[in-house]
Amino acid sequence: MLGEKCVELLSHSHTVIASDLGEKLLYSNSVLYKIINITDEEAVLSYIRELKPDVVINCAAYTDVDGAEKFKDLAWNVNVNGVKNLVSAVNPIGCHLIHLSSDYVFDGSDGPYTEEDETNPVNYYGETKLASEVVLKESEVPWTIIRTNVLFGNSHFQEASFVYWVIKKIKNHEIICIVNDQFSNPTWVDGLAQAIKVIIDKKAYGLYHYGGLDYVDRFGFALEITAIFSLDPTLIRSITTRALGQLAKRPYKSGLVNDKIKKELDVKVFTIKEALNAMKGTKW
């Protein structure tokens, strides 16, 4: 979903070459596209060294938090070894490597978190994302790490969005259970793509946090969605994380402080309401 938004936004001002695992880039016929598996070291090295890009944006990740507990080798291969492959490929070129990380590098005991707060992941997904950051920090490439959380937005691949999932379920008159004790600041992907463009244009390096302006639990987020899209909120049931019985432990009070990226780069950060209203006005 984020990769899609980056392609859409950046192709207006930059030459964009996109890659993914699928046979066809569904959302753009004008952008050069190549199938690349980030875990294929030789393919990554060969293609990046052929292209000699100025910037590489890594939106690829294994993001199934529960799945990471079951398929640890896969999660590590994508989230850590994939980044190692990128670092090896861009190192001789000296291009800017932008990497997306997560608030799940924190334990969720006292969020939202700043860039200076101590990391302490409570699940394997978080461990892989923290390890990927270490790979970059110990490298010699010009890097930027952007930690973000709970991405949502319009997409041609709608299943990626929590917003679309809620809308679809409620429109089908299905009762859904949403946790009321996992807090974050949900992030509109369009805003994050805009922030990435600013980072590229200003050649901003280092670690940045980017999330939404509103700090809410998932249940509250779901209610915001029903309000903006005029859906029935009574179909949403409030439930605790413990009752939901998720395989991977979750950080309860997570989320990210945006102060650094706003102050240094003057990026725009959006409220949930602003983002949802913009989504409502866009063709799905």
C-alpha atoms as a PDB file:
ATOM      1  CA  MET A   1       0.000   0.000   0.000  1.00  0.00           C
ATOM      2  CA  LEU A   2       2.790   2.441   0.883  1.00  0.00           C
ATOM      3  CA  GLY A   3       4.783   1.404  -2.159  1.00  0.00           C
ATOM      4  CA  GLU A   4       1.742   2.110  -4.294  1.00  0.00           C
ATOM      5  CA  LYS A   5       1.414   5.622  -2.848  1.00  0.00           C
ATOM      6  CA  CYS A   6       5.127   6.335  -3.296  1.00  0.00           C
ATOM      7  CA  VAL A   7       4.917   5.316  -6.963  1.00  0.00           C
ATOM      8  CA  GLU A   8       1.842   7.483  -7.534  1.00  0.00           C
ATOM      9  CA  LEU A   9       3.327  10.566  -5.841  1.00  0.00           C
ATOM     10  CA  LEU A  10       6.980  10.380  -6.843  1.00  0.00           C
ATOM     11  CA  SER A  11       6.394   9.513 -10.513  1.00  0.00           C
ATOM     12  CA  HIS A  12       5.209  13.119 -11.047  1.00  0.00           C
ATOM     13  CA  SER A  13       8.605  14.557 -10.128  1.00  0.00           C
ATOM     14  CA  HIS A  14      11.109  11.685 -10.280  1.00  0.00           C
ATOM     15  CA  THR A  15      11.929   8.760 -12.529  1.00  0.00           C
ATOM     16  CA  VAL A  16      10.484   5.828 -10.588  1.00  0.00           C
ATOM     17  CA  ILE A  17      11.310   2.170 -11.089  1.00  0.00           C
ATOM     18  CA  ALA A  18       9.036  -0.090  -9.055  1.00  0.00           C
ATOM     19  CA  SER A  19       9.477  -3.698  -8.029  1.00  0.00           C
ATOM     20  CA  ASP A  20       7.340  -6.298  -6.297  1.00  0.00           C
ATOM     21  CA  LEU A  21       6.594 -10.021  -6.386  1.00  0.00           C
ATOM     22  CA  GLY A  22       3.517  -9.882  -8.633  1.00  0.00           C
ATOM     23  CA  GLU A  23       3.436 -10.406 -12.381  1.00  0.00           C
ATOM     24  CA  LYS A  24       2.052  -6.966 -13.094  1.00  0.00           C
ATOM     25  CA  LEU A  25       2.106  -3.543 -11.509  1.00  0.00           C
ATOM     26  CA  LEU A  26      -1.656  -3.134 -11.254  1.00  0.00           C
ATOM     27  CA  TYR A  27      -1.830   0.547 -10.380  1.00  0.00           C
ATOM     28  CA  SER A  28       0.396   2.137 -13.028  1.00  0.00           C
ATOM     29  CA  ASN A  29       1.124   1.343 -16.658  1.00  0.00           C
ATOM     30  CA  SER A  30       3.561   4.247 -17.098  1.00  0.00           C
ATOM     31  CA  VAL A  31       6.149   3.193 -14.497  1.00  0.00           C
ATOM     32  CA  LEU A  32       8.964   0.792 -15.300  1.00  0.00           C
ATOM     33  CA  TYR A  33       8.408  -2.385 -13.300  1.00  0.00           C
ATOM     34  CA  LYS A  34      10.445  -5.471 -12.546  1.00  0.00           C
ATOM     35  CA  ILE A  35       9.698  -8.532 -10.422  1.00  0.00           C
ATOM     36  CA  ILE A  36      12.288  -8.716  -7.658  1.00  0.00           C
ATOM     37  CA  ASN A  37      12.339 -10.824  -4.506  1.00  0.00           C
ATOM     38  CA  ILE A  38      14.175  -8.835  -1.837  1.00  0.00           C
ATOM     39  CA  THR A  39      15.524 -12.093  -0.353  1.00  0.00           C
ATOM     40  CA  ASP A  40      17.245 -12.989  -3.648  1.00  0.00           C
ATOM     41  CA  GLU A  41      20.676 -11.487  -3.022  1.00  0.00           C
ATOM     42  CA  GLU A  42      22.008 -11.936  -6.542  1.00  0.00           C
ATOM     43  CA  ALA A  43      18.896 -10.464  -8.176  1.00  0.00           C
ATOM     44  CA  VAL A  44      18.931  -7.433  -5.868  1.00  0.00           C
ATOM     45  CA  LEU A  45      22.673  -6.828  -6.367  1.00  0.00           C
ATOM     46  CA  SER A  46      22.477  -7.220 -10.126  1.00  0.00           C
ATOM     47  CA  TYR A  47      19.470  -4.975 -10.705  1.00  0.00           C
ATOM     48  CA  ILE A  48      20.447  -2.121  -8.389  1.00  0.00           C
ATOM     49  CA  ARG A  49      23.990  -2.022  -9.729  1.00  0.00           C
ATOM     50  CA  GLU A  50      22.603  -1.990 -13.265  1.00  0.00           C
ATOM     51  CA  LEU A  51      20.237   0.895 -12.490  1.00  0.00           C
ATOM     52  CA  LYS A  52      22.557   2.940 -10.244  1.00  0.00           C
ATOM     53  CA  PRO A  53      19.634   4.766  -8.586  1.00  0.00           C
ATOM     54  CA  ASP A  54      19.967   7.944  -6.528  1.00  0.00           C
ATOM     55  CA  VAL A  55      17.490   6.660  -3.919  1.00  0.00           C
ATOM     56  CA  VAL A  56      16.146   3.255  -2.922  1.00  0.00           C
ATOM     57  CA  ILE A  57      12.958   3.148  -0.819  1.00  0.00           C
ATOM     58  CA  ASN A  58      12.400  -0.145   0.976  1.00  0.00           C
ATOM     59  CA  CYS A  59       8.668  -0.639   1.505  1.00  0.00           C
ATOM     60  CA  ALA A  60       9.036  -4.432   1.463  1.00  0.00           C
ATOM     61  CA  ALA A  61       8.416  -6.316   4.715  1.00  0.00           C
ATOM     62  CA  TYR A  62       6.871  -9.385   6.271  1.00  0.00           C
ATOM     63  CA  THR A  63       4.212  -7.631   8.362  1.00  0.00           C
ATOM     64  CA  ASP A  64       2.064 -10.499   9.664  1.00  0.00           C
ATOM     65  CA  VAL A  65       2.782 -10.103  13.383  1.00  0.00           C
ATOM     66  CA  ASP A  66       1.253 -13.433  14.394  1.00  0.00           C
ATOM     67  CA  GLY A  67       2.685 -15.146  11.331  1.00  0.00           C
ATOM     68  CA  ALA A  68       6.164 -14.024  12.329  1.00  0.00           C
ATOM     69  CA  GLU A  69       5.888 -16.123  15.494  1.00  0.00           C
ATOM     70  CA  LYS A  70       5.182 -19.219  13.385  1.00  0.00           C
ATOM     71  CA  PHE A  71       7.417 -18.544  10.390  1.00  0.00           C
ATOM     72  CA  LYS A  72      10.456 -16.970  12.008  1.00  0.00           C
ATOM     73  CA  ASP A  73      12.880 -17.881   9.243  1.00  0.00           C
ATOM     74  CA  LEU A  74      10.660 -16.249   6.627  1.00  0.00           C
ATOM     75  CA  ALA A  75      10.153 -13.095   8.701  1.00  0.00           C
ATOM     76  CA  TRP A  76      13.903 -12.779   9.345  1.00  0.00           C
ATOM     77  CA  ASN A  77      14.781 -13.475   5.724  1.00  0.00           C
ATOM     78  CA  VAL A  78      12.496 -10.732   4.415  1.00  0.00           C
ATOM     79  CA  ASN A  79      12.871  -8.130   7.159  1.00  0.00           C
ATOM     80  CA  VAL A  80      16.575  -8.508   7.959  1.00  0.00           C
ATOM     81  CA  ASN A  81      18.363 -10.396   5.204  1.00  0.00           C
ATOM     82  CA  GLY A  82      16.444  -8.385   2.621  1.00  0.00           C
ATOM     83  CA  VAL A  83      17.846  -5.186   4.102  1.00  0.00           C
ATOM     84  CA  LYS A  84      21.341  -6.699   4.131  1.00  0.00           C
ATOM     85  CA  ASN A  85      20.928  -7.406   0.422  1.00  0.00           C
ATOM     86  CA  LEU A  86      19.927  -3.796  -0.231  1.00  0.00           C
ATOM     87  CA  VAL A  87      22.858  -2.456   1.784  1.00  0.00           C
ATOM     88  CA  SER A  88      25.290  -4.667  -0.132  1.00  0.00           C
ATOM     89  CA  ALA A  89      23.809  -3.522  -3.422  1.00  0.00           C
ATOM     90  CA  VAL A  90      23.801   0.226  -2.773  1.00  0.00           C
ATOM     91  CA  ASN A  91      27.086   0.409  -0.851  1.00  0.00           C
ATOM     92  CA  PRO A  92      29.374   0.771  -3.898  1.00  0.00           C
ATOM     93  CA  ILE A  93      26.956   3.247  -5.474  1.00  0.00           C
ATOM     94  CA  GLY A  94      26.531   5.468  -2.427  1.00  0.00           C
ATOM     95  CA  CYS A  95      22.826   6.074  -3.048  1.00  0.00           C
ATOM     96  CA  HIS A  96      20.373   7.065  -0.339  1.00  0.00           C
ATOM     97  CA  LEU A  97      18.628   4.064   1.256  1.00  0.00           C
ATOM     98  CA  ILE A  98      15.274   4.836   2.907  1.00  0.00           C
ATOM     99  CA  HIS A  99      13.914   2.069   5.112  1.00  0.00           C
ATOM    100  CA  LEU A 100      10.516   1.732   6.796  1.00  0.00           C
ATOM    101  CA  SER A 101      10.458   0.435  10.351  1.00  0.00           C
ATOM    102  CA  SER A 102       7.810   0.149  13.061  1.00  0.00           C
ATOM    103  CA  ASP A 103       6.716   1.282  16.504  1.00  0.00           C
ATOM    104  CA  TYR A 104       6.827  -2.437  17.374  1.00  0.00           C
ATOM    105  CA  VAL A 105      10.512  -1.986  18.165  1.00  0.00           C
ATOM    106  CA  PHE A 106       9.164  -0.654  21.505  1.00  0.00           C
ATOM    107  CA  ASP A 107       7.497  -2.633  24.303  1.00  0.00           C
ATOM    108  CA  GLY A 108       4.383  -0.439  24.538  1.00  0.00           C
ATOM    109  CA  SER A 109       4.684   0.233  28.258  1.00  0.00           C
ATOM    110  CA  ASP A 110       4.922   4.020  27.993  1.00  0.00           C
ATOM    111  CA  GLY A 111       4.169   5.313  24.489  1.00  0.00           C
ATOM    112  CA  PRO A 112       3.994   7.248  22.329  1.00  0.00           C
ATOM    113  CA  TYR A 113       7.739   7.143  21.750  1.00  0.00           C
ATOM    114  CA  THR A 114      10.408   9.565  20.531  1.00  0.00           C
ATOM    115  CA  GLU A 115      13.470   8.676  18.488  1.00  0.00           C
ATOM    116  CA  GLU A 116      15.574   8.760  21.666  1.00  0.00           C
ATOM    117  CA  ASP A 117      13.494   6.255  23.645  1.00  0.00           C
ATOM    118  CA  GLU A 118      14.915   2.828  24.400  1.00  0.00           C
ATOM    119  CA  THR A 119      13.822  -0.004  22.143  1.00  0.00           C
ATOM    120  CA  ASN A 120      12.553  -3.298  23.568  1.00  0.00           C
ATOM    121  CA  PRO A 121      10.386  -5.378  21.199  1.00  0.00           C
ATOM    122  CA  VAL A 122       7.925  -7.840  22.748  1.00  0.00           C
ATOM    123  CA  ASN A 123       7.340 -10.021  19.676  1.00  0.00           C
ATOM    124  CA  TYR A 124       9.411 -11.569  16.909  1.00  0.00           C
ATOM    125  CA  TYR A 125       8.161  -9.160  14.244  1.00  0.00           C
ATOM    126  CA  GLY A 126       9.447  -6.282  16.378  1.00  0.00           C
ATOM    127  CA  GLU A 127      12.763  -8.080  16.817  1.00  0.00           C
ATOM    128  CA  THR A 128      13.190  -8.374  13.054  1.00  0.00           C
ATOM    129  CA  LYS A 129      12.391  -4.703  12.491  1.00  0.00           C
ATOM    130  CA  LEU A 130      14.864  -3.650  15.180  1.00  0.00           C
ATOM    131  CA  ALA A 131      17.519  -5.936  13.670  1.00  0.00           C
ATOM    132  CA  SER A 132      16.905  -4.350  10.269  1.00  0.00           C
ATOM    133  CA  GLU A 133      17.594  -0.936  11.783  1.00  0.00           C
ATOM    134  CA  VAL A 134      20.883  -2.197  13.233  1.00  0.00           C
ATOM    135  CA  VAL A 135      21.932  -3.430   9.783  1.00  0.00           C
ATOM    136  CA  LEU A 136      21.544   0.092   8.414  1.00  0.00           C
ATOM    137  CA  LYS A 137      23.105   1.880  11.382  1.00  0.00           C
ATOM    138  CA  GLU A 138      26.191  -0.339  11.184  1.00  0.00           C
ATOM    139  CA  SER A 139      26.529   0.160   7.428  1.00  0.00           C
ATOM    140  CA  GLU A 140      28.382   2.883   5.541  1.00  0.00           C
ATOM    141  CA  VAL A 141      25.500   3.789   3.245  1.00  0.00           C
ATOM    142  CA  PRO A 142      23.605   7.111   3.532  1.00  0.00           C
ATOM    143  CA  TRP A 143      20.439   5.936   5.289  1.00  0.00           C
ATOM    144  CA  THR A 144      17.134   7.169   6.629  1.00  0.00           C
ATOM    145  CA  ILE A 145      14.951   5.041   8.890  1.00  0.00           C
ATOM    146  CA  ILE A 146      11.292   6.025   9.194  1.00  0.00           C
ATOM    147  CA  ARG A 147       9.364   4.344  12.003  1.00  0.00           C
ATOM    148  CA  THR A 148       5.629   4.371  11.464  1.00  0.00           C
ATOM    149  CA  ASN A 149       2.503   2.553  12.694  1.00  0.00           C
ATOM    150  CA  VAL A 150      -0.980   1.332  11.679  1.00  0.00           C
ATOM    151  CA  LEU A 151      -0.952   2.383   8.030  1.00  0.00           C
ATOM    152  CA  PHE A 152      -4.277   3.040   6.331  1.00  0.00           C
ATOM    153  CA  GLY A 153      -5.542   4.594   3.118  1.00  0.00           C
ATOM    154  CA  ASN A 154      -7.090   4.036  -0.291  1.00  0.00           C
ATOM    155  CA  SER A 155      -5.450   1.283  -2.298  1.00  0.00           C
ATOM    156  CA  HIS A 156      -5.969  -0.910  -5.309  1.00  0.00           C
ATOM    157  CA  PHE A 157      -4.989  -3.702  -2.920  1.00  0.00           C
ATOM    158  CA  GLN A 158      -7.729  -2.924  -0.411  1.00  0.00           C
ATOM    159  CA  GLU A 159      -7.138  -5.846   1.933  1.00  0.00           C
ATOM    160  CA  ALA A 160      -4.034  -4.039   3.188  1.00  0.00           C
ATOM    161  CA  SER A 161      -6.119  -1.332   4.859  1.00  0.00           C
ATOM    162  CA  PHE A 162      -7.794  -1.598   8.274  1.00  0.00           C
ATOM    163  CA  VAL A 163     -10.230   1.101   7.131  1.00  0.00           C
ATOM    164  CA  TYR A 164     -11.379  -0.897   4.133  1.00  0.00           C
ATOM    165  CA  TRP A 165     -11.713  -4.037   6.272  1.00  0.00           C
ATOM    166  CA  VAL A 166     -13.986  -2.242   8.765  1.00  0.00           C
ATOM    167  CA  ILE A 167     -16.074  -0.679   6.003  1.00  0.00           C
ATOM    168  CA  LYS A 168     -16.467  -3.969   4.167  1.00  0.00           C
ATOM    169  CA  LYS A 169     -17.495  -5.886   7.280  1.00  0.00           C
ATOM    170  CA  ILE A 170     -20.022  -3.285   8.470  1.00  0.00           C
ATOM    171  CA  LYS A 171     -21.555  -2.901   5.012  1.00  0.00           C
ATOM    172  CA  ASN A 172     -22.048  -6.676   5.005  1.00  0.00           C
ATOM    173  CA  HIS A 173     -23.816  -6.328   8.388  1.00  0.00           C
ATOM    174  CA  GLU A 174     -21.150  -8.427  10.121  1.00  0.00           C
ATOM    175  CA  ILE A 175     -20.306  -7.994  13.788  1.00  0.00           C
ATOM    176  CA  ILE A 176     -16.593  -7.319  14.322  1.00  0.00           C
ATOM    177  CA  CYS A 177     -14.525  -7.355  17.521  1.00  0.00           C
ATOM    178  CA  ILE A 178     -11.884  -4.643  17.899  1.00  0.00           C
ATOM    179  CA  VAL A 179      -9.426  -4.354  20.782  1.00  0.00           C
ATOM    180  CA  ASN A 180      -9.833  -1.424  23.165  1.00  0.00           C
ATOM    181  CA  ASP A 181      -6.418  -1.546  24.851  1.00  0.00           C
ATOM    182  CA  GLN A 182      -3.896  -1.246  21.998  1.00  0.00           C
ATOM    183  CA  PHE A 183      -3.057   2.439  21.518  1.00  0.00           C
ATOM    184  CA  SER A 184      -1.276   4.046  18.569  1.00  0.00           C
ATOM    185  CA  ASN A 185      -1.486   7.025  16.229  1.00  0.00           C
ATOM    186  CA  PRO A 186      -2.774   5.575  12.921  1.00  0.00           C
ATOM    187  CA  THR A 187      -0.866   6.795   9.872  1.00  0.00           C
ATOM    188  CA  TRP A 188      -2.391   7.893   6.566  1.00  0.00           C
ATOM    189  CA  VAL A 189      -0.215   6.419   3.802  1.00  0.00           C
ATOM    190  CA  ASP A 190      -0.650   9.469   1.567  1.00  0.00           C
ATOM    191  CA  GLY A 191       0.851  11.658   4.286  1.00  0.00           C
ATOM    192  CA  LEU A 192       3.701   9.206   4.818  1.00  0.00           C
ATOM    193  CA  ALA A 193       4.449   9.160   1.078  1.00  0.00           C
ATOM    194  CA  GLN A 194       4.559  12.969   1.158  1.00  0.00           C
ATOM    195  CA  ALA A 195       6.999  12.806   4.084  1.00  0.00           C
ATOM    196  CA  ILE A 196       9.200  10.385   2.124  1.00  0.00           C
ATOM    197  CA  LYS A 197       9.265  12.828  -0.802  1.00  0.00           C
ATOM    198  CA  VAL A 198      10.403  15.604   1.541  1.00  0.00           C
ATOM    199  CA  ILE A 199      13.145  13.330   2.918  1.00  0.00           C
ATOM    200  CA  ILE A 200      14.337  12.599  -0.622  1.00  0.00           C
ATOM    201  CA  ASP A 201      14.229  16.220  -1.784  1.00  0.00           C
ATOM    202  CA  LYS A 202      15.944  17.568   1.345  1.00  0.00           C
ATOM    203  CA  LYS A 203      18.411  14.667   1.542  1.00  0.00           C
ATOM    204  CA  ALA A 204      17.485  14.134   5.176  1.00  0.00           C
ATOM    205  CA  TYR A 205      19.391  11.317   6.835  1.00  0.00           C
ATOM    206  CA  GLY A 206      18.995   9.588  10.198  1.00  0.00           C
ATOM    207  CA  LEU A 207      16.062   8.291  12.236  1.00  0.00           C
ATOM    208  CA  TYR A 208      12.573   9.829  12.091  1.00  0.00           C
ATOM    209  CA  HIS A 209       9.162   8.962  13.504  1.00  0.00           C
ATOM    210  CA  TYR A 210       6.035   9.592  11.439  1.00  0.00           C
ATOM    211  CA  GLY A 211       2.479   8.838  12.562  1.00  0.00           C
ATOM    212  CA  GLY A 212      -0.920  10.496  12.715  1.00  0.00           C
ATOM    213  CA  LEU A 213      -1.920  13.348  15.026  1.00  0.00           C
ATOM    214  CA  ASP A 214      -4.545  11.357  16.955  1.00  0.00           C
ATOM    215  CA  TYR A 215      -3.549   8.906  19.680  1.00  0.00           C
ATOM    216  CA  VAL A 216      -6.356   6.334  19.954  1.00  0.00           C
ATOM    217  CA  ASP A 217      -7.096   2.682  20.680  1.00  0.00           C
ATOM    218  CA  ARG A 218      -8.155   0.440  17.787  1.00  0.00           C
ATOM    219  CA  PHE A 219     -11.789   0.429  18.920  1.00  0.00           C
ATOM    220  CA  GLY A 220     -11.871   4.234  18.905  1.00  0.00           C
ATOM    221  CA  PHE A 221     -10.296   4.248  15.451  1.00  0.00           C
ATOM    222  CA  ALA A 222     -12.995   1.894  14.178  1.00  0.00           C
ATOM    223  CA  LEU A 223     -15.723   4.168  15.576  1.00  0.00           C
ATOM    224  CA  GLU A 224     -14.160   7.136  13.739  1.00  0.00           C
ATOM    225  CA  ILE A 225     -14.417   5.142  10.525  1.00  0.00           C
ATOM    226  CA  THR A 226     -18.111   4.396  11.045  1.00  0.00           C
ATOM    227  CA  ALA A 227     -18.798   8.070  11.814  1.00  0.00           C
ATOM    228  CA  ILE A 228     -17.106   9.408   8.662  1.00  0.00           C
ATOM    229  CA  PHE A 229     -18.533   6.734   6.356  1.00  0.00           C
ATOM    230  CA  SER A 230     -22.034   6.794   7.926  1.00  0.00           C
ATOM    231  CA  LEU A 231     -21.978   3.163   9.030  1.00  0.00           C
ATOM    232  CA  ASP A 232     -23.636   1.372  11.959  1.00  0.00           C
ATOM    233  CA  PRO A 233     -21.306   1.557  15.008  1.00  0.00           C
ATOM    234  CA  THR A 234     -23.386  -0.959  16.975  1.00  0.00           C
ATOM    235  CA  LEU A 235     -21.907  -3.765  14.878  1.00  0.00           C
ATOM    236  CA  ILE A 236     -18.495  -3.117  16.452  1.00  0.00           C
ATOM    237  CA  ARG A 237     -17.787  -4.910  19.723  1.00  0.00           C
ATOM    238  CA  SER A 238     -15.133  -3.709  22.130  1.00  0.00           C
ATOM    239  CA  ILE A 239     -12.792  -6.499  23.285  1.00  0.00           C
ATOM    240  CA  THR A 240      -9.536  -6.762  25.227  1.00  0.00           C
ATOM    241  CA  THR A 241      -6.323  -8.066  23.733  1.00  0.00           C
ATOM    242  CA  ARG A 242      -6.293 -10.893  26.271  1.00  0.00           C
ATOM    243  CA  ALA A 243      -9.802 -11.964  25.213  1.00  0.00           C
ATOM    244  CA  LEU A 244      -8.849 -11.831  21.535  1.00  0.00           C
ATOM    245  CA  GLY A 245      -6.065 -14.335  22.146  1.00  0.00           C
ATOM    246  CA  GLN A 246      -3.585 -13.170  19.505  1.00  0.00           C
ATOM    247  CA  LEU A 247      -0.560 -15.435  19.069  1.00  0.00           C
ATOM    248  CA  ALA A 248       2.047 -12.679  19.278  1.00  0.00           C
ATOM    249  CA  LYS A 249       2.271 -10.367  22.268  1.00  0.00           C
ATOM    250  CA  ARG A 250       1.299  -6.787  21.393  1.00  0.00           C
ATOM    251  CA  PRO A 251       2.606  -3.511  22.785  1.00  0.00           C
ATOM    252  CA  TYR A 252      -0.363  -1.900  24.531  1.00  0.00           C
ATOM    253  CA  LYS A 253       0.608   1.763  24.754  1.00  0.00           C
ATOM    254  CA  SER A 254       2.606   2.239  21.594  1.00  0.00           C
ATOM    255  CA  GLY A 255       2.631   4.919  18.901  1.00  0.00           C
ATOM    256  CA  LEU A 256       5.139   7.555  17.842  1.00  0.00           C
ATOM    257  CA  VAL A 257       5.939  11.214  18.592  1.00  0.00           C
ATOM    258  CA  ASN A 258       6.202  13.310  15.407  1.00  0.00           C
ATOM    259  CA  ASP A 259       8.009  16.351  16.824  1.00  0.00           C
ATOM    260  CA  LYS A 260      11.408  15.782  15.198  1.00  0.00           C
ATOM    261  CA  ILE A 261      10.188  15.283  11.633  1.00  0.00           C
ATOM    262  CA  LYS A 262       7.757  18.208  11.901  1.00  0.00           C
ATOM    263  CA  LYS A 263      10.390  20.566  13.311  1.00  0.00           C
ATOM    264  CA  GLU A 264      13.337  19.584  11.114  1.00  0.00           C
ATOM    265  CA  LEU A 265      11.573  18.880   7.812  1.00  0.00           C
ATOM    266  CA  ASP A 266       8.287  20.787   8.158  1.00  0.00           C
ATOM    267  CA  VAL A 267       6.193  17.816   7.066  1.00  0.00           C
ATOM    268  CA  LYS A 268       2.419  17.728   7.338  1.00  0.00           C
ATOM    269  CA  VAL A 269       0.873  15.311   9.847  1.00  0.00           C
ATOM    270  CA  PHE A 270      -2.818  14.463   9.542  1.00  0.00           C
ATOM    271  CA  THR A 271      -5.672  13.748  11.924  1.00  0.00           C
ATOM    272  CA  ILE A 272      -7.732  10.601  11.446  1.00  0.00           C
ATOM    273  CA  LYS A 273     -10.706  12.739  10.468  1.00  0.00           C
ATOM    274  CA  GLU A 274      -8.740  14.642   7.810  1.00  0.00           C
ATOM    275  CA  ALA A 275      -7.442  11.410   6.330  1.00  0.00           C
ATOM    276  CA  LEU A 276     -10.780   9.597   6.343  1.00  0.00           C
ATOM    277  CA  ASN A 277     -12.560  12.564   4.747  1.00  0.00           C
ATOM    278  CA  ALA A 278      -9.906  12.642   2.015  1.00  0.00           C
ATOM    279  CA  MET A 279     -10.368   8.910   1.490  1.00  0.00           C
ATOM    280  CA  LYS A 280     -14.147   9.314   1.330  1.00  0.00           C
ATOM    281  CA  GLY A 281     -13.763  11.875  -1.437  1.00  0.00           C
ATOM    282  CA  THR A 282     -11.574   9.579  -3.534  1.00  0.00           C
ATOM    283  CA  LYS A 283     -12.765   6.853  -5.856  1.00  0.00           C
ATOM    284  CA  TRP A 284     -12.202   3.422  -4.314  1.00  0.00           C
END
